[in-house]
PDB file of all heavy atoms in Angstrom:
ATOM      1  N   TYR A   1      86.252  86.616  71.225  1.00  0.00           N
ATOM      2  CA  TYR A   1      85.649  86.678  72.559  1.00  0.00           C
ATOM      3  C   TYR A   1      86.214  85.579  73.454  1.00  0.00           C
ATOM      4  O   TYR A   1      86.590  85.829  74.607  1.00  0.00           O
ATOM      5  CB  TYR A   1      84.132  86.532  72.449  1.00  0.00           C
ATOM      6  CG  TYR A   1      83.445  86.346  73.783  1.00  0.00           C
ATOM      7  CD1 TYR A   1      83.266  87.422  74.655  1.00  0.00           C
ATOM      8  CD2 TYR A   1      82.994  85.082  74.174  1.00  0.00           C
ATOM      9  CE1 TYR A   1      82.658  87.243  75.892  1.00  0.00           C
ATOM     10  CE2 TYR A   1      82.374  84.897  75.406  1.00  0.00           C
ATOM     11  CZ  TYR A   1      82.218  85.983  76.257  1.00  0.00           C
ATOM     12  OH  TYR A   1      81.600  85.805  77.481  1.00  0.00           O
ATOM     13  N   THR A   2      86.296  84.360  72.910  1.00  0.00           N
ATOM     14  CA  THR A   2      86.764  83.219  73.698  1.00  0.00           C
ATOM     15  C   THR A   2      88.210  83.396  74.133  1.00  0.00           C
ATOM     16  O   THR A   2      88.584  83.068  75.265  1.00  0.00           O
ATOM     17  CB  THR A   2      86.621  81.916  72.891  1.00  0.00           C
ATOM     18  OG1 THR A   2      85.247  81.737  72.524  1.00  0.00           O
ATOM     19  CG2 THR A   2      87.094  80.714  73.699  1.00  0.00           C
ATOM     20  N   SER A   3      89.035  83.929  73.235  1.00  0.00           N
ATOM     21  CA  SER A   3      90.458  84.059  73.528  1.00  0.00           C
ATOM     22  C   SER A   3      90.753  85.176  74.521  1.00  0.00           C
ATOM     23  O   SER A   3      91.796  85.153  75.191  1.00  0.00           O
ATOM     24  CB  SER A   3      91.248  84.288  72.237  1.00  0.00           C
ATOM     25  OG  SER A   3      90.872  85.518  71.625  1.00  0.00           O
ATOM     26  N   LYS A   4      89.854  86.149  74.622  1.00  0.00           N
ATOM     27  CA  LYS A   4      90.141  87.309  75.468  1.00  0.00           C
ATOM     28  C   LYS A   4      89.250  87.438  76.707  1.00  0.00           C
ATOM     29  O   LYS A   4      89.500  88.289  77.553  1.00  0.00           O
ATOM     30  CB  LYS A   4      90.020  88.593  74.641  1.00  0.00           C
ATOM     31  CG  LYS A   4      91.086  88.711  73.553  1.00  0.00           C
ATOM     32  CD  LYS A   4      91.046  90.074  72.881  1.00  0.00           C
ATOM     33  CE  LYS A   4      92.194  90.231  71.894  1.00  0.00           C
ATOM     34  NZ  LYS A   4      92.238  91.570  71.286  1.00  0.00           N
ATOM     35  N   LYS A   5      88.236  86.570  76.810  1.00  0.00           N
ATOM     36  CA  LYS A   5      87.282  86.770  77.906  1.00  0.00           C
ATOM     37  C   LYS A   5      87.903  86.549  79.287  1.00  0.00           C
ATOM     38  O   LYS A   5      87.388  87.048  80.287  1.00  0.00           O
ATOM     39  CB  LYS A   5      86.077  85.844  77.726  1.00  0.00           C
ATOM     40  CG  LYS A   5      86.390  84.368  77.854  1.00  0.00           C
ATOM     41  CD  LYS A   5      85.128  83.531  77.710  1.00  0.00           C
ATOM     42  CE  LYS A   5      85.417  82.037  77.869  1.00  0.00           C
ATOM     43  NZ  LYS A   5      84.187  81.228  77.777  1.00  0.00           N
ATOM     44  N   ALA A   6      88.993  85.783  79.351  1.00  0.00           N
ATOM     45  CA  ALA A   6      89.607  85.504  80.648  1.00  0.00           C
ATOM     46  C   ALA A   6      90.801  86.399  80.953  1.00  0.00           C
ATOM     47  O   ALA A   6      91.441  86.234  82.000  1.00  0.00           O
ATOM     48  CB  ALA A   6      90.048  84.033  80.700  1.00  0.00           C
ATOM     49  N   LEU A   7      91.127  87.332  80.056  1.00  0.00           N
ATOM     50  CA  LEU A   7      92.258  88.214  80.315  1.00  0.00           C
ATOM     51  C   LEU A   7      91.991  89.048  81.572  1.00  0.00           C
ATOM     52  O   LEU A   7      90.972  89.727  81.671  1.00  0.00           O
ATOM     53  CB  LEU A   7      92.504  89.133  79.119  1.00  0.00           C
ATOM     54  CG  LEU A   7      93.048  88.456  77.852  1.00  0.00           C
ATOM     55  CD1 LEU A   7      93.218  89.483  76.741  1.00  0.00           C
ATOM     56  CD2 LEU A   7      94.379  87.761  78.137  1.00  0.00           C
ATOM     57  N   PRO A   8      92.893  89.013  82.550  1.00  0.00           N
ATOM     58  CA  PRO A   8      92.641  89.727  83.801  1.00  0.00           C
ATOM     59  C   PRO A   8      92.850  91.231  83.668  1.00  0.00           C
ATOM     60  O   PRO A   8      93.646  91.693  82.853  1.00  0.00           O
ATOM     61  CB  PRO A   8      93.681  89.121  84.752  1.00  0.00           C
ATOM     62  CG  PRO A   8      94.794  88.684  83.861  1.00  0.00           C
ATOM     63  CD  PRO A   8      94.158  88.243  82.574  1.00  0.00           C
ATOM     64  N   ASP A   9      92.125  91.965  84.471  1.00  0.00           N
ATOM     65  CA  ASP A   9      92.319  93.409  84.581  1.00  0.00           C
ATOM     66  C   ASP A   9      93.195  93.649  85.812  1.00  0.00           C
ATOM     67  O   ASP A   9      92.734  93.581  86.954  1.00  0.00           O
ATOM     68  CB  ASP A   9      90.968  94.111  84.735  1.00  0.00           C
ATOM     69  CG  ASP A   9      91.105  95.622  84.826  1.00  0.00           C
ATOM     70  OD1 ASP A   9      92.257  96.117  84.795  1.00  0.00           O
ATOM     71  OD2 ASP A   9      90.077  96.306  84.940  1.00  0.00           O
ATOM     72  N   TYR A  10      94.476  93.926  85.580  1.00  0.00           N
ATOM     73  CA  TYR A  10      95.423  94.058  86.680  1.00  0.00           C
ATOM     74  C   TYR A  10      95.198  95.322  87.508  1.00  0.00           C
ATOM     75  O   TYR A  10      95.778  95.461  88.582  1.00  0.00           O
ATOM     76  CB  TYR A  10      96.856  94.043  86.147  1.00  0.00           C
ATOM     77  CG  TYR A  10      97.288  92.706  85.575  1.00  0.00           C
ATOM     78  CD1 TYR A  10      98.203  92.643  84.527  1.00  0.00           C
ATOM     79  CD2 TYR A  10      96.804  91.510  86.092  1.00  0.00           C
ATOM     80  CE1 TYR A  10      98.617  91.416  84.002  1.00  0.00           C
ATOM     81  CE2 TYR A  10      97.202  90.286  85.579  1.00  0.00           C
ATOM     82  CZ  TYR A  10      98.115  90.247  84.539  1.00  0.00           C
ATOM     83  OH  TYR A  10      98.521  89.039  84.032  1.00  0.00           O
ATOM     84  N   ASN A  11      94.389  96.236  87.014  1.00  0.00           N
ATOM     85  CA  ASN A  11      94.137  97.481  87.745  1.00  0.00           C
ATOM     86  C   ASN A  11      92.869  97.416  88.598  1.00  0.00           C
ATOM     87  O   ASN A  11      92.534  98.368  89.281  1.00  0.00           O
ATOM     88  CB  ASN A  11      94.007  98.645  86.755  1.00  0.00           C
ATOM     89  CG  ASN A  11      95.302  98.906  86.000  1.00  0.00           C
ATOM     90  OD1 ASN A  11      96.369  98.938  86.595  1.00  0.00           O
ATOM     91  ND2 ASN A  11      95.209  99.081  84.691  1.00  0.00           N
ATOM     92  N   LYS A  12      92.199  96.290  88.553  1.00  0.00           N
ATOM     93  CA  LYS A  12      90.918  96.152  89.248  1.00  0.00           C
ATOM     94  C   LYS A  12      91.115  95.769  90.710  1.00  0.00           C
ATOM     95  O   LYS A  12      91.954  94.920  91.029  1.00  0.00           O
ATOM     96  CB  LYS A  12      90.077  95.086  88.540  1.00  0.00           C
ATOM     97  CG  LYS A  12      88.727  94.812  89.180  1.00  0.00           C
ATOM     98  CD  LYS A  12      88.010  93.698  88.423  1.00  0.00           C
ATOM     99  CE  LYS A  12      86.688  93.340  89.082  1.00  0.00           C
ATOM    100  NZ  LYS A  12      86.007  92.232  88.360  1.00  0.00           N
ATOM    101  N   ASP A  13      90.362  96.386  91.590  1.00  0.00           N
ATOM    102  CA  ASP A  13      90.349  95.987  93.002  1.00  0.00           C
ATOM    103  C   ASP A  13      89.495  94.734  93.152  1.00  0.00           C
ATOM    104  O   ASP A  13      88.411  94.627  92.572  1.00  0.00           O
ATOM    105  CB  ASP A  13      89.774  97.102  93.877  1.00  0.00           C
ATOM    106  CG  ASP A  13      90.720  98.288  93.982  1.00  0.00           C
ATOM    107  OD1 ASP A  13      91.935  98.084  93.812  1.00  0.00           O
ATOM    108  OD2 ASP A  13      90.248  99.406  94.230  1.00  0.00           O
ATOM    109  N   VAL A  14      89.979  93.780  93.916  1.00  0.00           N
ATOM    110  CA  VAL A  14      89.284  92.502  94.108  1.00  0.00           C
ATOM    111  C   VAL A  14      89.001  92.301  95.594  1.00  0.00           C
ATOM    112  O   VAL A  14      89.865  92.565  96.436  1.00  0.00           O
ATOM    113  CB  VAL A  14      90.129  91.322  93.573  1.00  0.00           C
ATOM    114  CG1 VAL A  14      89.435  89.999  93.872  1.00  0.00           C
ATOM    115  CG2 VAL A  14      90.381  91.468  92.082  1.00  0.00           C
ATOM    116  N   ILE A  15      87.805  91.846  95.907  1.00  0.00           N
ATOM    117  CA  ILE A  15      87.444  91.545  97.295  1.00  0.00           C
ATOM    118  C   ILE A  15      87.577  90.038  97.499  1.00  0.00           C
ATOM    119  O   ILE A  15      86.816  89.252  96.930  1.00  0.00           O
ATOM    120  CB  ILE A  15      86.006  91.994  97.613  1.00  0.00           C
ATOM    121  CG1 ILE A  15      85.879  93.508  97.452  1.00  0.00           C
ATOM    122  CG2 ILE A  15      85.618  91.570  99.029  1.00  0.00           C
ATOM    123  CD1 ILE A  15      84.475  94.032  97.672  1.00  0.00           C
ATOM    124  N   LEU A  16      88.574  89.641  98.290  1.00  0.00           N
ATOM    125  CA  LEU A  16      88.782  88.230  98.594  1.00  0.00           C
ATOM    126  C   LEU A  16      88.223  87.934  99.985  1.00  0.00           C
ATOM    127  O   LEU A  16      88.526  88.640 100.952  1.00  0.00           O
ATOM    128  CB  LEU A  16      90.270  87.876  98.568  1.00  0.00           C
ATOM    129  CG  LEU A  16      90.933  87.650  97.207  1.00  0.00           C
ATOM    130  CD1 LEU A  16      92.376  87.227  97.407  1.00  0.00           C
ATOM    131  CD2 LEU A  16      90.188  86.619  96.395  1.00  0.00           C
ATOM    132  N   GLN A  17      87.405  86.901 100.066  1.00  0.00           N
ATOM    133  CA  GLN A  17      86.883  86.482 101.353  1.00  0.00           C
ATOM    134  C   GLN A  17      87.995  85.814 102.168  1.00  0.00           C
ATOM    135  O   GLN A  17      88.840  85.108 101.641  1.00  0.00           O
ATOM    136  CB  GLN A  17      85.728  85.499 101.161  1.00  0.00           C
ATOM    137  CG  GLN A  17      84.577  86.041 100.332  1.00  0.00           C
ATOM    138  CD  GLN A  17      83.930  87.261 100.947  1.00  0.00           C
ATOM    139  OE1 GLN A  17      83.758  87.315 102.180  1.00  0.00           O
ATOM    140  NE2 GLN A  17      83.561  88.230 100.129  1.00  0.00           N
ATOM    141  N   GLY A  18      87.987  86.047 103.464  1.00  0.00           N
ATOM    142  CA  GLY A  18      88.936  85.371 104.349  1.00  0.00           C
ATOM    143  C   GLY A  18      90.192  86.154 104.654  1.00  0.00           C
ATOM    144  O   GLY A  18      91.015  85.705 105.465  1.00  0.00           O
ATOM    145  N   LEU A  19      90.387  87.303 104.017  1.00  0.00           N
ATOM    146  CA  LEU A  19      91.566  88.111 104.309  1.00  0.00           C
ATOM    147  C   LEU A  19      91.452  88.748 105.688  1.00  0.00           C
ATOM    148  O   LEU A  19      90.388  89.236 106.077  1.00  0.00           O
ATOM    149  CB  LEU A  19      91.742  89.204 103.259  1.00  0.00           C
ATOM    150  CG  LEU A  19      92.105  88.788 101.828  1.00  0.00           C
ATOM    151  CD1 LEU A  19      92.241  90.010 100.939  1.00  0.00           C
ATOM    152  CD2 LEU A  19      93.389  87.962 101.821  1.00  0.00           C
ATOM    153  N   VAL A  20      92.571  88.764 106.391  1.00  0.00           N
ATOM    154  CA  VAL A  20      92.603  89.415 107.700  1.00  0.00           C
ATOM    155  C   VAL A  20      92.726  90.925 107.532  1.00  0.00           C
ATOM    156  O   VAL A  20      92.113  91.697 108.268  1.00  0.00           O
ATOM    157  CB  VAL A  20      93.783  88.869 108.540  1.00  0.00           C
ATOM    158  CG1 VAL A  20      93.917  89.644 109.858  1.00  0.00           C
ATOM    159  CG2 VAL A  20      93.588  87.387 108.815  1.00  0.00           C
ATOM    160  N   SER A  21      93.530  91.332 106.554  1.00  0.00           N
ATOM    161  CA  SER A  21      93.701  92.757 106.287  1.00  0.00           C
ATOM    162  C   SER A  21      93.969  92.952 104.789  1.00  0.00           C
ATOM    163  O   SER A  21      94.069  91.992 104.028  1.00  0.00           O
ATOM    164  CB  SER A  21      94.847  93.335 107.127  1.00  0.00           C
ATOM    165  OG  SER A  21      96.050  92.638 106.859  1.00  0.00           O
ATOM    166  N   GLU A  22      94.110  94.189 104.404  1.00  0.00           N
ATOM    167  CA  GLU A  22      94.290  94.513 102.988  1.00  0.00           C
ATOM    168  C   GLU A  22      95.610  93.947 102.449  1.00  0.00           C
ATOM    169  O   GLU A  22      96.638  93.960 103.116  1.00  0.00           O
ATOM    170  CB  GLU A  22      94.266  96.029 102.806  1.00  0.00           C
ATOM    171  CG  GLU A  22      94.379  96.474 101.351  1.00  0.00           C
ATOM    172  CD  GLU A  22      94.382  97.989 101.219  1.00  0.00           C
ATOM    173  OE1 GLU A  22      95.355  98.619 101.688  1.00  0.00           O
ATOM    174  OE2 GLU A  22      93.417  98.530 100.644  1.00  0.00           O
ATOM    175  N   VAL A  23      95.564  93.462 101.222  1.00  0.00           N
ATOM    176  CA  VAL A  23      96.751  92.985 100.517  1.00  0.00           C
ATOM    177  C   VAL A  23      96.938  93.862  99.282  1.00  0.00           C
ATOM    178  O   VAL A  23      96.001  94.065  98.507  1.00  0.00           O
ATOM    179  CB  VAL A  23      96.610  91.505 100.088  1.00  0.00           C
ATOM    180  CG1 VAL A  23      97.821  91.076  99.260  1.00  0.00           C
ATOM    181  CG2 VAL A  23      96.446  90.614 101.303  1.00  0.00           C
ATOM    182  N   ARG A  24      98.134  94.356  99.111  1.00  0.00           N
ATOM    183  CA  ARG A  24      98.437  95.173  97.936  1.00  0.00           C
ATOM    184  C   ARG A  24      99.259  94.342  96.945  1.00  0.00           C
ATOM    185  O   ARG A  24     100.187  93.631  97.327  1.00  0.00           O
ATOM    186  CB  ARG A  24      99.207  96.433  98.326  1.00  0.00           C
ATOM    187  CG  ARG A  24      98.373  97.421  99.132  1.00  0.00           C
ATOM    188  CD  ARG A  24      99.104  98.738  99.327  1.00  0.00           C
ATOM    189  NE  ARG A  24      98.266  99.704  99.994  1.00  0.00           N
ATOM    190  CZ  ARG A  24      97.410 100.513  99.366  1.00  0.00           C
ATOM    191  NH1 ARG A  24      97.310 100.479  98.043  1.00  0.00           N
ATOM    192  NH2 ARG A  24      96.681 101.373 100.058  1.00  0.00           N
ATOM    193  N   VAL A  25      98.896  94.459  95.678  1.00  0.00           N
ATOM    194  CA  VAL A  25      99.590  93.735  94.609  1.00  0.00           C
ATOM    195  C   VAL A  25     100.030  94.727  93.545  1.00  0.00           C
ATOM    196  O   VAL A  25      99.217  95.510  93.039  1.00  0.00           O
ATOM    197  CB  VAL A  25      98.690  92.655  93.972  1.00  0.00           C
ATOM    198  CG1 VAL A  25      99.431  91.949  92.830  1.00  0.00           C
ATOM    199  CG2 VAL A  25      98.226  91.651  95.012  1.00  0.00           C
ATOM    200  N   TYR A  26     101.312  94.694  93.237  1.00  0.00           N
ATOM    201  CA  TYR A  26     101.865  95.549  92.188  1.00  0.00           C
ATOM    202  C   TYR A  26     102.392  94.663  91.064  1.00  0.00           C
ATOM    203  O   TYR A  26     103.059  93.650  91.328  1.00  0.00           O
ATOM    204  CB  TYR A  26     102.988  96.419  92.745  1.00  0.00           C
ATOM    205  CG  TYR A  26     102.576  97.297  93.906  1.00  0.00           C
ATOM    206  CD1 TYR A  26     102.721  96.846  95.220  1.00  0.00           C
ATOM    207  CD2 TYR A  26     102.040  98.559  93.691  1.00  0.00           C
ATOM    208  CE1 TYR A  26     102.335  97.637  96.291  1.00  0.00           C
ATOM    209  CE2 TYR A  26     101.651  99.361  94.754  1.00  0.00           C
ATOM    210  CZ  TYR A  26     101.803  98.892  96.058  1.00  0.00           C
ATOM    211  OH  TYR A  26     101.414  99.683  97.111  1.00  0.00           O
ATOM    212  N   ARG A  27     102.103  95.020  89.843  1.00  0.00           N
ATOM    213  CA  ARG A  27     102.633  94.302  88.684  1.00  0.00           C
ATOM    214  C   ARG A  27     103.700  95.178  88.035  1.00  0.00           C
ATOM    215  O   ARG A  27     103.463  96.356  87.745  1.00  0.00           O
ATOM    216  CB  ARG A  27     101.527  94.024  87.670  1.00  0.00           C
ATOM    217  CG  ARG A  27     100.419  93.112  88.175  1.00  0.00           C
ATOM    218  CD  ARG A  27     100.691  91.680  87.844  1.00  0.00           C
ATOM    219  NE  ARG A  27      99.562  90.807  88.176  1.00  0.00           N
ATOM    220  CZ  ARG A  27      99.486  89.531  87.849  1.00  0.00           C
ATOM    221  NH1 ARG A  27     100.469  88.969  87.171  1.00  0.00           N
ATOM    222  NH2 ARG A  27      98.437  88.805  88.197  1.00  0.00           N
ATOM    223  N   ASP A  28     104.868  94.580  87.785  1.00  0.00           N
ATOM    224  CA  ASP A  28     105.911  95.353  87.128  1.00  0.00           C
ATOM    225  C   ASP A  28     105.729  95.317  85.610  1.00  0.00           C
ATOM    226  O   ASP A  28     104.701  94.856  85.107  1.00  0.00           O
ATOM    227  CB  ASP A  28     107.296  94.848  87.545  1.00  0.00           C
ATOM    228  CG  ASP A  28     107.545  93.394  87.171  1.00  0.00           C
ATOM    229  OD1 ASP A  28     106.888  92.887  86.240  1.00  0.00           O
ATOM    230  OD2 ASP A  28     108.399  92.752  87.804  1.00  0.00           O
ATOM    231  N   SER A  29     106.709  95.808  84.860  1.00  0.00           N
ATOM    232  CA  SER A  29     106.585  95.902  83.411  1.00  0.00           C
ATOM    233  C   SER A  29     106.516  94.536  82.729  1.00  0.00           C
ATOM    234  O   SER A  29     106.117  94.433  81.577  1.00  0.00           O
ATOM    235  CB  SER A  29     107.771  96.696  82.833  1.00  0.00           C
ATOM    236  OG  SER A  29     109.003  96.070  83.163  1.00  0.00           O
ATOM    237  N   PHE A  30     106.891  93.470  83.453  1.00  0.00           N
ATOM    238  CA  PHE A  30     106.794  92.115  82.921  1.00  0.00           C
ATOM    239  C   PHE A  30     105.562  91.386  83.451  1.00  0.00           C
ATOM    240  O   PHE A  30     105.427  90.180  83.259  1.00  0.00           O
ATOM    241  CB  PHE A  30     108.051  91.316  83.270  1.00  0.00           C
ATOM    242  CG  PHE A  30     109.308  91.868  82.671  1.00  0.00           C
ATOM    243  CD1 PHE A  30     110.186  92.617  83.439  1.00  0.00           C
ATOM    244  CD2 PHE A  30     109.607  91.657  81.325  1.00  0.00           C
ATOM    245  CE1 PHE A  30     111.355  93.131  82.895  1.00  0.00           C
ATOM    246  CE2 PHE A  30     110.773  92.175  80.779  1.00  0.00           C
ATOM    247  CZ  PHE A  30     111.646  92.914  81.550  1.00  0.00           C
ATOM    248  N   ALA A  31     104.683  92.131  84.131  1.00  0.00           N
ATOM    249  CA  ALA A  31     103.458  91.581  84.730  1.00  0.00           C
ATOM    250  C   ALA A  31     103.750  90.621  85.880  1.00  0.00           C
ATOM    251  O   ALA A  31     102.891  89.844  86.279  1.00  0.00           O
ATOM    252  CB  ALA A  31     102.579  90.893  83.686  1.00  0.00           C
ATOM    253  N   ILE A  32     104.956  90.655  86.428  1.00  0.00           N
ATOM    254  CA  ILE A  32     105.294  89.822  87.579  1.00  0.00           C
ATOM    255  C   ILE A  32     104.630  90.415  88.820  1.00  0.00           C
ATOM    256  O   ILE A  32     104.809  91.604  89.112  1.00  0.00           O
ATOM    257  CB  ILE A  32     106.819  89.751  87.769  1.00  0.00           C
ATOM    258  CG1 ILE A  32     107.470  89.055  86.565  1.00  0.00           C
ATOM    259  CG2 ILE A  32     107.172  89.026  89.066  1.00  0.00           C
ATOM    260  CD1 ILE A  32     108.977  89.138  86.549  1.00  0.00           C
ATOM    261  N   PRO A  33     103.860  89.629  89.568  1.00  0.00           N
ATOM    262  CA  PRO A  33     103.168  90.179  90.737  1.00  0.00           C
ATOM    263  C   PRO A  33     104.085  90.331  91.949  1.00  0.00           C
ATOM    264  O   PRO A  33     104.906  89.460  92.240  1.00  0.00           O
ATOM    265  CB  PRO A  33     102.075  89.128  91.011  1.00  0.00           C
ATOM    266  CG  PRO A  33     102.618  87.859  90.451  1.00  0.00           C
ATOM    267  CD  PRO A  33     103.478  88.234  89.283  1.00  0.00           C
ATOM    268  N   HIS A  34     103.941  91.450  92.625  1.00  0.00           N
ATOM    269  CA  HIS A  34     104.649  91.725  93.873  1.00  0.00           C
ATOM    270  C   HIS A  34     103.570  91.885  94.950  1.00  0.00           C
ATOM    271  O   HIS A  34     102.774  92.829  94.902  1.00  0.00           O
ATOM    272  CB  HIS A  34     105.492  92.992  93.753  1.00  0.00           C
ATOM    273  CG  HIS A  34     106.536  92.907  92.672  1.00  0.00           C
ATOM    274  ND1 HIS A  34     107.868  92.699  92.945  1.00  0.00           N
ATOM    275  CD2 HIS A  34     106.429  92.988  91.321  1.00  0.00           C
ATOM    276  CE1 HIS A  34     108.549  92.658  91.804  1.00  0.00           C
ATOM    277  NE2 HIS A  34     107.693  92.838  90.811  1.00  0.00           N
ATOM    278  N   ILE A  35     103.548  90.968  95.903  1.00  0.00           N
ATOM    279  CA  ILE A  35     102.479  90.904  96.902  1.00  0.00           C
ATOM    280  C   ILE A  35     102.982  91.448  98.238  1.00  0.00           C
ATOM    281  O   ILE A  35     104.012  90.997  98.755  1.00  0.00           O
ATOM    282  CB  ILE A  35     102.001  89.450  97.088  1.00  0.00           C
ATOM    283  CG1 ILE A  35     101.490  88.888  95.757  1.00  0.00           C
ATOM    284  CG2 ILE A  35     100.926  89.360  98.159  1.00  0.00           C
ATOM    285  CD1 ILE A  35     101.186  87.394  95.811  1.00  0.00           C
ATOM    286  N   LEU A  36     102.267  92.398  98.781  1.00  0.00           N
ATOM    287  CA  LEU A  36     102.595  92.957 100.086  1.00  0.00           C
ATOM    288  C   LEU A  36     101.422  92.700 101.022  1.00  0.00           C
ATOM    289  O   LEU A  36     100.324  93.238 100.833  1.00  0.00           O
ATOM    290  CB  LEU A  36     102.880  94.459  99.989  1.00  0.00           C
ATOM    291  CG  LEU A  36     103.233  95.169 101.299  1.00  0.00           C
ATOM    292  CD1 LEU A  36     104.490  94.569 101.928  1.00  0.00           C
ATOM    293  CD2 LEU A  36     103.418  96.663 101.071  1.00  0.00           C
ATOM    294  N   ALA A  37     101.626  91.835 102.034  1.00  0.00           N
ATOM    295  CA  ALA A  37     100.567  91.472 102.966  1.00  0.00           C
ATOM    296  C   ALA A  37     101.075  91.614 104.400  1.00  0.00           C
ATOM    297  O   ALA A  37     102.279  91.758 104.642  1.00  0.00           O
ATOM    298  CB  ALA A  37     100.110  90.032 102.709  1.00  0.00           C
ATOM    299  N   THR A  38     100.151  91.555 105.355  1.00  0.00           N
ATOM    300  CA  THR A  38     100.525  91.689 106.762  1.00  0.00           C
ATOM    301  C   THR A  38     100.722  90.339 107.438  1.00  0.00           C
ATOM    302  O   THR A  38     101.219  90.270 108.561  1.00  0.00           O
ATOM    303  CB  THR A  38      99.455  92.480 107.539  1.00  0.00           C
ATOM    304  OG1 THR A  38      98.200  91.787 107.443  1.00  0.00           O
ATOM    305  CG2 THR A  38      99.292  93.884 106.958  1.00  0.00           C
TER     306      THR A  38
END
């Protein structure tokens, strides 16, 4: 439980406070994040 409780769910939508508009994040096969913002 301890080792896995912080593993992120990369498919989950997250609501971040302070965003001006929607930000899209894509993870490739190496889990490298690709951020597309306005």
